Structure formats: C-alpha cells, structure tokens
PDB file of N, CA and C in Angstrom:
ATOM      1  N   MET A   1      -8.953 -11.280  19.130  1.00  0.00           N
ATOM      2  CA  MET A   1      -7.634 -10.755  19.382  1.00  0.00           C
ATOM      3  C   MET A   1      -7.190  -9.955  18.170  1.00  0.00           C
ATOM      4  N   ASP A   2      -6.751  -8.705  18.385  1.00  0.00           N
ATOM      5  CA  ASP A   2      -6.248  -7.871  17.309  1.00  0.00           C
ATOM      6  C   ASP A   2      -4.774  -8.155  17.104  1.00  0.00           C
ATOM      7  N   THR A   3      -4.390  -8.278  15.839  1.00  0.00           N
ATOM      8  CA  THR A   3      -3.000  -8.508  15.506  1.00  0.00           C
ATOM      9  C   THR A   3      -2.383  -7.182  15.093  1.00  0.00           C
ATOM     10  N   PRO A   4      -1.250  -6.781  15.700  1.00  0.00           N
ATOM     11  CA  PRO A   4      -0.632  -5.521  15.302  1.00  0.00           C
ATOM     12  C   PRO A   4      -0.173  -5.596  13.855  1.00  0.00           C
ATOM     13  N   LEU A   5      -0.298  -4.491  13.148  1.00  0.00           N
ATOM     14  CA  LEU A   5       0.096  -4.443  11.757  1.00  0.00           C
ATOM     15  C   LEU A   5       1.410  -3.701  11.610  1.00  0.00           C
ATOM     16  N   SER A   6       2.201  -4.098  10.644  1.00  0.00           N
ATOM     17  CA  SER A   6       3.430  -3.398  10.298  1.00  0.00           C
ATOM     18  C   SER A   6       3.236  -2.810   8.916  1.00  0.00           C
ATOM     19  N   PHE A   7       3.984  -1.762   8.630  1.00  0.00           N
ATOM     20  CA  PHE A   7       3.826  -1.061   7.354  1.00  0.00           C
ATOM     21  C   PHE A   7       5.193  -0.792   6.775  1.00  0.00           C
ATOM     22  N   GLU A   8       5.328  -0.971   5.491  1.00  0.00           N
ATOM     23  CA  GLU A   8       6.586  -0.689   4.808  1.00  0.00           C
ATOM     24  C   GLU A   8       6.267  -0.035   3.483  1.00  0.00           C
ATOM     25  N   SER A   9       7.052   0.948   3.098  1.00  0.00           N
ATOM     26  CA  SER A   9       6.854   1.566   1.786  1.00  0.00           C
ATOM     27  C   SER A   9       8.207   1.730   1.112  1.00  0.00           C
ATOM     28  N   TRP A  10       8.197   1.816  -0.190  1.00  0.00           N
ATOM     29  CA  TRP A  10       9.417   1.994  -0.966  1.00  0.00           C
ATOM     30  C   TRP A  10       9.069   2.676  -2.270  1.00  0.00           C
ATOM     31  N   GLN A  11      10.088   3.256  -2.885  1.00  0.00           N
ATOM     32  CA  GLN A  11       9.932   3.967  -4.154  1.00  0.00           C
ATOM     33  C   GLN A  11      10.495   3.080  -5.253  1.00  0.00           C
ATOM     34  N   GLY A  12       9.768   2.934  -6.321  1.00  0.00           N
ATOM     35  CA  GLY A  12      10.241   2.142  -7.449  1.00  0.00           C
ATOM     36  C   GLY A  12       9.403   2.417  -8.674  1.00  0.00           C
ATOM     37  N   ASP A  13      10.010   2.358  -9.821  1.00  0.00           N
ATOM     38  CA  ASP A  13       9.307   2.561 -11.091  1.00  0.00           C
ATOM     39  C   ASP A  13       8.515   3.869 -11.086  1.00  0.00           C
ATOM     40  N   GLU A  14       9.110   4.906 -10.467  1.00  0.00           N
ATOM     41  CA  GLU A  14       8.511   6.233 -10.417  1.00  0.00           C
ATOM     42  C   GLU A  14       7.161   6.277  -9.717  1.00  0.00           C
ATOM     43  N   GLU A  15       6.898   5.295  -8.895  1.00  0.00           N
ATOM     44  CA  GLU A  15       5.646   5.273  -8.156  1.00  0.00           C
ATOM     45  C   GLU A  15       5.925   4.685  -6.784  1.00  0.00           C
ATOM     46  N   GLU A  16       5.218   5.163  -5.787  1.00  0.00           N
ATOM     47  CA  GLU A  16       5.435   4.664  -4.429  1.00  0.00           C
ATOM     48  C   GLU A  16       4.589   3.422  -4.190  1.00  0.00           C
ATOM     49  N   HIS A  17       5.190   2.447  -3.546  1.00  0.00           N
ATOM     50  CA  HIS A  17       4.526   1.187  -3.230  1.00  0.00           C
ATOM     51  C   HIS A  17       4.476   1.035  -1.719  1.00  0.00           C
ATOM     52  N   SER A  18       3.470   0.369  -1.219  1.00  0.00           N
ATOM     53  CA  SER A  18       3.410   0.096   0.215  1.00  0.00           C
ATOM     54  C   SER A  18       2.676  -1.217   0.456  1.00  0.00           C
ATOM     55  N   VAL A  19       2.950  -1.780   1.614  1.00  0.00           N
ATOM     56  CA  VAL A  19       2.301  -3.022   1.996  1.00  0.00           C
ATOM     57  C   VAL A  19       2.128  -3.025   3.516  1.00  0.00           C
ATOM     58  N   THR A  20       1.010  -3.524   3.961  1.00  0.00           N
ATOM     59  CA  THR A  20       0.741  -3.683   5.384  1.00  0.00           C
ATOM     60  C   THR A  20       0.644  -5.181   5.666  1.00  0.00           C
ATOM     61  N   TRP A  21       1.289  -5.620   6.727  1.00  0.00           N
ATOM     62  CA  TRP A  21       1.234  -7.039   7.049  1.00  0.00           C
ATOM     63  C   TRP A  21       1.105  -7.228   8.547  1.00  0.00           C
ATOM     64  N   SER A  22       0.599  -8.370   8.922  1.00  0.00           N
ATOM     65  CA  SER A  22       0.380  -8.661  10.325  1.00  0.00           C
ATOM     66  C   SER A  22       1.509  -9.503  10.919  1.00  0.00           C
ATOM     67  N   GLN A  23       2.255 -10.186  10.084  1.00  0.00           N
ATOM     68  CA  GLN A  23       3.349 -11.030  10.558  1.00  0.00           C
ATOM     69  C   GLN A  23       4.268 -11.299   9.381  1.00  0.00           C
ATOM     70  N   ARG A  24       5.541 -11.527   9.671  1.00  0.00           N
ATOM     71  CA  ARG A  24       6.487 -11.967   8.638  1.00  0.00           C
ATOM     72  C   ARG A  24       7.019 -13.323   9.052  1.00  0.00           C
ATOM     73  N   ILE A  25       7.127 -14.206   8.079  1.00  0.00           N
ATOM     74  CA  ILE A  25       7.686 -15.535   8.305  1.00  0.00           C
ATOM     75  C   ILE A  25       8.922 -15.637   7.415  1.00  0.00           C
ATOM     76  N   ILE A  26      10.053 -15.985   7.995  1.00  0.00           N
ATOM     77  CA  ILE A  26      11.299 -16.117   7.249  1.00  0.00           C
ATOM     78  C   ILE A  26      11.594 -17.592   7.046  1.00  0.00           C
ATOM     79  N   LEU A  27      11.794 -17.978   5.791  1.00  0.00           N
ATOM     80  CA  LEU A  27      12.198 -19.343   5.457  1.00  0.00           C
ATOM     81  C   LEU A  27      13.643 -19.280   4.973  1.00  0.00           C
ATOM     82  N   GLU A  28      14.519 -20.057   5.576  1.00  0.00           N
ATOM     83  CA  GLU A  28      15.931 -20.046   5.202  1.00  0.00           C
ATOM     84  C   GLU A  28      16.268 -21.258   4.345  1.00  0.00           C
ATOM     85  N   CYS A  29      16.969 -20.988   3.269  1.00  0.00           N
ATOM     86  CA  CYS A  29      17.393 -22.042   2.342  1.00  0.00           C
ATOM     87  C   CYS A  29      18.816 -22.488   2.684  1.00  0.00           C
ATOM     88  N   ARG A  30      19.185 -23.679   2.242  1.00  0.00           N
ATOM     89  CA  ARG A  30      20.546 -24.182   2.437  1.00  0.00           C
ATOM     90  C   ARG A  30      21.581 -23.303   1.746  1.00  0.00           C
ATOM     91  N   CYS A  31      21.161 -22.575   0.692  1.00  0.00           N
ATOM     92  CA  CYS A  31      22.091 -21.695  -0.031  1.00  0.00           C
ATOM     93  C   CYS A  31      22.402 -20.430   0.767  1.00  0.00           C
ATOM     94  N   GLY A  32      21.666 -20.202   1.876  1.00  0.00           N
ATOM     95  CA  GLY A  32      21.909 -19.039   2.714  1.00  0.00           C
ATOM     96  C   GLY A  32      20.937 -17.896   2.484  1.00  0.00           C
ATOM     97  N   GLU A  33      20.178 -17.962   1.417  1.00  0.00           N
ATOM     98  CA  GLU A  33      19.187 -16.919   1.139  1.00  0.00           C
ATOM     99  C   GLU A  33      17.908 -17.197   1.912  1.00  0.00           C
ATOM    100  N   GLY A  34      17.036 -16.218   1.950  1.00  0.00           N
ATOM    101  CA  GLY A  34      15.774 -16.365   2.653  1.00  0.00           C
ATOM    102  C   GLY A  34      14.598 -15.951   1.797  1.00  0.00           C
ATOM    103  N   VAL A  35      13.471 -16.537   2.088  1.00  0.00           N
ATOM    104  CA  VAL A  35      12.204 -16.162   1.466  1.00  0.00           C
ATOM    105  C   VAL A  35      11.348 -15.567   2.572  1.00  0.00           C
ATOM    106  N   ILE A  36      10.811 -14.376   2.345  1.00  0.00           N
ATOM    107  CA  ILE A  36       9.995 -13.697   3.341  1.00  0.00           C
ATOM    108  C   ILE A  36       8.532 -13.807   2.937  1.00  0.00           C
ATOM    109  N   LEU A  37       7.733 -14.377   3.822  1.00  0.00           N
ATOM    110  CA  LEU A  37       6.289 -14.489   3.613  1.00  0.00           C
ATOM    111  C   LEU A  37       5.615 -13.443   4.481  1.00  0.00           C
ATOM    112  N   LEU A  38       4.748 -12.644   3.895  1.00  0.00           N
ATOM    113  CA  LEU A  38       4.008 -11.640   4.649  1.00  0.00           C
ATOM    114  C   LEU A  38       2.635 -12.189   4.979  1.00  0.00           C
ATOM    115  N   GLY A  39       2.242 -12.089   6.236  1.00  0.00           N
ATOM    116  CA  GLY A  39       0.940 -12.575   6.662  1.00  0.00           C
ATOM    117  C   GLY A  39       1.069 -13.642   7.731  1.00  0.00           C
ATOM    118  N   LEU A  40      -0.065 -14.049   8.216  1.00  0.00           N
ATOM    119  CA  LEU A  40      -0.112 -15.057   9.265  1.00  0.00           C
ATOM    120  C   LEU A  40       0.083 -16.457   8.702  1.00  0.00           C
ATOM    121  N   GLU A  41       0.705 -17.320   9.480  1.00  0.00           N
ATOM    122  CA  GLU A  41       0.886 -18.711   9.067  1.00  0.00           C
ATOM    123  C   GLU A  41      -0.464 -19.364   8.751  1.00  0.00           C
ATOM    124  N   ALA A  42      -1.462 -19.076   9.555  1.00  0.00           N
ATOM    125  CA  ALA A  42      -2.799 -19.650   9.344  1.00  0.00           C
ATOM    126  C   ALA A  42      -3.364 -19.253   7.978  1.00  0.00           C
ATOM    127  N   ASP A  43      -3.073 -18.030   7.553  1.00  0.00           N
ATOM    128  CA  ASP A  43      -3.554 -17.586   6.239  1.00  0.00           C
ATOM    129  C   ASP A  43      -2.903 -18.380   5.108  1.00  0.00           C
ATOM    130  N   TRP A  44      -1.600 -18.634   5.239  1.00  0.00           N
ATOM    131  CA  TRP A  44      -0.907 -19.432   4.214  1.00  0.00           C
ATOM    132  C   TRP A  44      -1.477 -20.847   4.184  1.00  0.00           C
ATOM    133  N   ARG A  45      -1.766 -21.407   5.347  1.00  0.00           N
ATOM    134  CA  ARG A  45      -2.343 -22.757   5.409  1.00  0.00           C
ATOM    135  C   ARG A  45      -3.747 -22.769   4.805  1.00  0.00           C
ATOM    136  N   THR A  46      -4.539 -21.734   5.090  1.00  0.00           N
ATOM    137  CA  THR A  46      -5.887 -21.628   4.524  1.00  0.00           C
ATOM    138  C   THR A  46      -5.833 -21.597   2.995  1.00  0.00           C
ATOM    139  N   GLU A  47      -4.818 -20.915   2.470  1.00  0.00           N
ATOM    140  CA  GLU A  47      -4.630 -20.831   1.014  1.00  0.00           C
ATOM    141  C   GLU A  47      -4.014 -22.110   0.439  1.00  0.00           C
ATOM    142  N   LYS A  48      -3.730 -23.079   1.323  1.00  0.00           N
ATOM    143  CA  LYS A  48      -3.105 -24.352   0.935  1.00  0.00           C
ATOM    144  C   LYS A  48      -1.741 -24.136   0.268  1.00  0.00           C
ATOM    145  N   ARG A  49      -1.016 -23.147   0.779  1.00  0.00           N
ATOM    146  CA  ARG A  49       0.342 -22.875   0.310  1.00  0.00           C
ATOM    147  C   ARG A  49       1.301 -23.386   1.356  1.00  0.00           C
ATOM    148  N   ASP A  50       1.970 -24.477   1.062  1.00  0.00           N
ATOM    149  CA  ASP A  50       2.924 -25.009   2.020  1.00  0.00           C
ATOM    150  C   ASP A  50       4.302 -25.228   1.414  1.00  0.00           C
ATOM    151  N   ALA A  51       4.463 -24.906   0.137  1.00  0.00           N
ATOM    152  CA  ALA A  51       5.760 -25.039  -0.514  1.00  0.00           C
ATOM    153  C   ALA A  51       6.080 -23.731  -1.237  1.00  0.00           C
ATOM    154  N   PHE A  52       7.311 -23.264  -1.057  1.00  0.00           N
ATOM    155  CA  PHE A  52       7.765 -22.007  -1.637  1.00  0.00           C
ATOM    156  C   PHE A  52       9.124 -22.245  -2.246  1.00  0.00           C
ATOM    157  N   GLU A  53       9.437 -21.552  -3.324  1.00  0.00           N
ATOM    158  CA  GLU A  53      10.688 -21.795  -4.027  1.00  0.00           C
ATOM    159  C   GLU A  53      11.682 -20.675  -3.781  1.00  0.00           C
ATOM    160  N   CYS A  54      12.899 -21.054  -3.403  1.00  0.00           N
ATOM    161  CA  CYS A  54      14.007 -20.119  -3.276  1.00  0.00           C
ATOM    162  C   CYS A  54      14.487 -19.782  -4.684  1.00  0.00           C
ATOM    163  N   GLU A  55      15.193 -18.672  -4.827  1.00  0.00           N
ATOM    164  CA  GLU A  55      15.693 -18.313  -6.157  1.00  0.00           C
ATOM    165  C   GLU A  55      16.718 -19.317  -6.685  1.00  0.00           C
ATOM    166  N   CYS A  56      17.295 -20.144  -5.795  1.00  0.00           N
ATOM    167  CA  CYS A  56      18.228 -21.180  -6.239  1.00  0.00           C
ATOM    168  C   CYS A  56      17.503 -22.420  -6.762  1.00  0.00           C
ATOM    169  N   GLY A  57      16.161 -22.468  -6.552  1.00  0.00           N
ATOM    170  CA  GLY A  57      15.383 -23.602  -7.026  1.00  0.00           C
ATOM    171  C   GLY A  57      14.960 -24.569  -5.938  1.00  0.00           C
ATOM    172  N   GLU A  58      15.532 -24.440  -4.742  1.00  0.00           N
ATOM    173  CA  GLU A  58      15.198 -25.321  -3.619  1.00  0.00           C
ATOM    174  C   GLU A  58      13.761 -25.054  -3.149  1.00  0.00           C
ATOM    175  N   THR A  59      13.036 -26.114  -2.815  1.00  0.00           N
ATOM    176  CA  THR A  59      11.683 -25.977  -2.277  1.00  0.00           C
ATOM    177  C   THR A  59      11.756 -25.845  -0.768  1.00  0.00           C
ATOM    178  N   LEU A  60      11.088 -24.816  -0.232  1.00  0.00           N
ATOM    179  CA  LEU A  60      11.092 -24.531   1.194  1.00  0.00           C
ATOM    180  C   LEU A  60       9.686 -24.682   1.751  1.00  0.00           C
ATOM    181  N   SER A  61       9.588 -25.015   3.040  1.00  0.00           N
ATOM    182  CA  SER A  61       8.278 -25.104   3.680  1.00  0.00           C
ATOM    183  C   SER A  61       8.328 -24.408   5.039  1.00  0.00           C
ATOM    184  N   ILE A  62       7.174 -23.965   5.506  1.00  0.00           N
ATOM    185  CA  ILE A  62       7.098 -23.322   6.815  1.00  0.00           C
ATOM    186  C   ILE A  62       7.523 -24.318   7.895  1.00  0.00           C
ATOM    187  N   ALA A  63       7.092 -25.555   7.775  1.00  0.00           N
ATOM    188  CA  ALA A  63       7.391 -26.570   8.794  1.00  0.00           C
ATOM    189  C   ALA A  63       8.886 -26.878   8.891  1.00  0.00           C
ATOM    190  N   SER A  64       9.588 -26.901   7.777  1.00  0.00           N
ATOM    191  CA  SER A  64      10.991 -27.327   7.772  1.00  0.00           C
ATOM    192  C   SER A  64      12.009 -26.199   7.732  1.00  0.00           C
ATOM    193  N   ASN A  65      11.661 -25.051   7.185  1.00  0.00           N
ATOM    194  CA  ASN A  65      12.651 -24.017   6.917  1.00  0.00           C
ATOM    195  C   ASN A  65      12.442 -22.705   7.662  1.00  0.00           C
ATOM    196  N   ARG A  66      11.439 -22.647   8.524  1.00  0.00           N
ATOM    197  CA  ARG A  66      11.161 -21.407   9.253  1.00  0.00           C
ATOM    198  C   ARG A  66      12.273 -21.136  10.265  1.00  0.00           C
ATOM    199  N   VAL A  67      12.736 -19.879  10.312  1.00  0.00           N
ATOM    200  CA  VAL A  67      13.787 -19.486  11.249  1.00  0.00           C
ATOM    201  C   VAL A  67      13.382 -18.198  11.959  1.00  0.00           C
ATOM    202  N   ASP A  68      14.024 -17.951  13.085  1.00  0.00           N
ATOM    203  CA  ASP A  68      13.811 -16.723  13.833  1.00  0.00           C
ATOM    204  C   ASP A  68      14.348 -15.544  13.017  1.00  0.00           C
ATOM    205  N   GLU A  69      13.550 -14.483  12.908  1.00  0.00           N
ATOM    206  CA  GLU A  69      13.913 -13.341  12.078  1.00  0.00           C
ATOM    207  C   GLU A  69      15.190 -12.653  12.558  1.00  0.00           C
ATOM    208  N   THR A  70      15.345 -12.477  13.852  1.00  0.00           N
ATOM    209  CA  THR A  70      16.535 -11.808  14.383  1.00  0.00           C
ATOM    210  C   THR A  70      17.789 -12.637  14.109  1.00  0.00           C
ATOM    211  N   ALA A  71      17.713 -13.928  14.368  1.00  0.00           N
ATOM    212  CA  ALA A  71      18.861 -14.809  14.120  1.00  0.00           C
ATOM    213  C   ALA A  71      19.223 -14.809  12.636  1.00  0.00           C
ATOM    214  N   PHE A  72      18.232 -14.840  11.760  1.00  0.00           N
ATOM    215  CA  PHE A  72      18.487 -14.830  10.324  1.00  0.00           C
ATOM    216  C   PHE A  72      19.174 -13.531   9.920  1.00  0.00           C
ATOM    217  N   SER A  73      18.709 -12.398  10.459  1.00  0.00           N
ATOM    218  CA  SER A  73      19.300 -11.098  10.132  1.00  0.00           C
ATOM    219  C   SER A  73      20.765 -11.040  10.548  1.00  0.00           C
ATOM    220  N   VAL A  74      21.072 -11.554  11.740  1.00  0.00           N
ATOM    221  CA  VAL A  74      22.454 -11.566  12.221  1.00  0.00           C
ATOM    222  C   VAL A  74      23.321 -12.435  11.310  1.00  0.00           C
ATOM    223  N   LYS A  75      22.829 -13.611  10.940  1.00  0.00           N
ATOM    224  CA  LYS A  75      23.590 -14.497  10.041  1.00  0.00           C
ATOM    225  C   LYS A  75      23.848 -13.830   8.698  1.00  0.00           C
ATOM    226  N   GLN A  76      22.846 -13.098   8.175  1.00  0.00           N
ATOM    227  CA  GLN A  76      23.007 -12.403   6.897  1.00  0.00           C
ATOM    228  C   GLN A  76      24.084 -11.320   7.006  1.00  0.00           C
ATOM    229  N   LEU A  77      24.071 -10.556   8.093  1.00  0.00           N
ATOM    230  CA  LEU A  77      25.086  -9.515   8.295  1.00  0.00           C
ATOM    231  C   LEU A  77      26.481 -10.118   8.394  1.00  0.00           C
ATOM    232  N   LEU A  78      26.610 -11.203   9.146  1.00  0.00           N
ATOM    233  CA  LEU A  78      27.907 -11.861   9.271  1.00  0.00           C
ATOM    234  C   LEU A  78      28.377 -12.411   7.927  1.00  0.00           C
ATOM    235  N   ARG A  79      27.464 -12.987   7.174  1.00  0.00           N
ATOM    236  CA  ARG A  79      27.806 -13.550   5.866  1.00  0.00           C
ATOM    237  C   ARG A  79      28.273 -12.461   4.909  1.00  0.00           C
ATOM    238  N   ARG A  80      27.552 -11.336   4.888  1.00  0.00           N
ATOM    239  CA  ARG A  80      27.929 -10.233   3.994  1.00  0.00           C
ATOM    240  C   ARG A  80      29.263  -9.624   4.407  1.00  0.00           C
ATOM    241  N   GLY A  81      29.495  -9.519   5.723  1.00  0.00           N
ATOM    242  CA  GLY A  81      30.787  -9.003   6.197  1.00  0.00           C
ATOM    243  C   GLY A  81      31.924  -9.913   5.797  1.00  0.00           C
ATOM    244  N   HIS A  82      31.705 -11.217   5.911  1.00  0.00           N
ATOM    245  CA  HIS A  82      32.721 -12.200   5.519  1.00  0.00           C
ATOM    246  C   HIS A  82      33.006 -12.113   4.026  1.00  0.00           C
ATOM    247  N   GLU A  83      31.951 -12.006   3.222  1.00  0.00           N
ATOM    248  CA  GLU A  83      32.119 -11.899   1.769  1.00  0.00           C
ATOM    249  C   GLU A  83      32.847 -10.620   1.387  1.00  0.00           C
ATOM    250  N   ALA A  84      32.555  -9.514   2.082  1.00  0.00           N
ATOM    251  CA  ALA A  84      33.207  -8.252   1.790  1.00  0.00           C
ATOM    252  C   ALA A  84      34.702  -8.305   2.143  1.00  0.00           C
ATOM    253  N   THR A  85      35.028  -9.028   3.222  1.00  0.00           N
ATOM    254  CA  THR A  85      36.401  -9.133   3.677  1.00  0.00           C
ATOM    255  C   THR A  85      37.215 -10.136   2.869  1.00  0.00           C
ATOM    256  N   PHE A  86      36.631 -11.305   2.614  1.00  0.00           N
ATOM    257  CA  PHE A  86      37.376 -12.401   2.004  1.00  0.00           C
ATOM    258  C   PHE A  86      36.937 -12.746   0.595  1.00  0.00           C
ATOM    259  N   GLY A  87      35.917 -12.106   0.079  1.00  0.00           N
ATOM    260  CA  GLY A  87      35.399 -12.430  -1.241  1.00  0.00           C
ATOM    261  C   GLY A  87      34.374 -13.540  -1.155  1.00  0.00           C
ATOM    262  N   ALA A  88      33.570 -13.623  -2.197  1.00  0.00           N
ATOM    263  CA  ALA A  88      32.467 -14.605  -2.208  1.00  0.00           C
ATOM    264  C   ALA A  88      32.960 -16.002  -2.324  1.00  0.00           C
TER     265      ALA A  88
END
C-alpha cells in the first residue's frame, strides 16, 4: 500500500528548508500547546519513541495525548481569538 506524501517548505536563515512526510500526529498537552510528529505511528514505535516533551515540560505519548488534527486546529483558533479579545 502506498502512503500519500505531503510536502511543506519554508524560508529561514537565508536558506530554503523543506520536509516530506507521510502522516502527521498531533499530541495535545494540558497547557493547550501541541507537539507535531511527522511520519507514521509505526515508524515512531519502531524507533522505540513513545514519550515526547512539550515545551512546558509535560511528557506526552501517542497513546494518551493524540488528538484529531482538525479538532486541534479549531481549538487553537478559538483559543487565540479569545486571547486576542480578552488577553492571555
């Protein structure tokens, strides 16, 4: 089975960067931030990576913290709108 690939590029440090991935996994932290893992879940398991750290220091896992990407995006937009309207 072929997995469709996604591609993203950005400009930074005066050089263009790009990455191709087959899947994105979003892990949501209690602080409201998210960690984005690029690649298949099976690949992360093969690498024996099952714990990831949020910038707040909380440990996240695919089993416990995985969320739907669309739902996470909507929550982020609502949160940012609320912060812009009422302050952080």
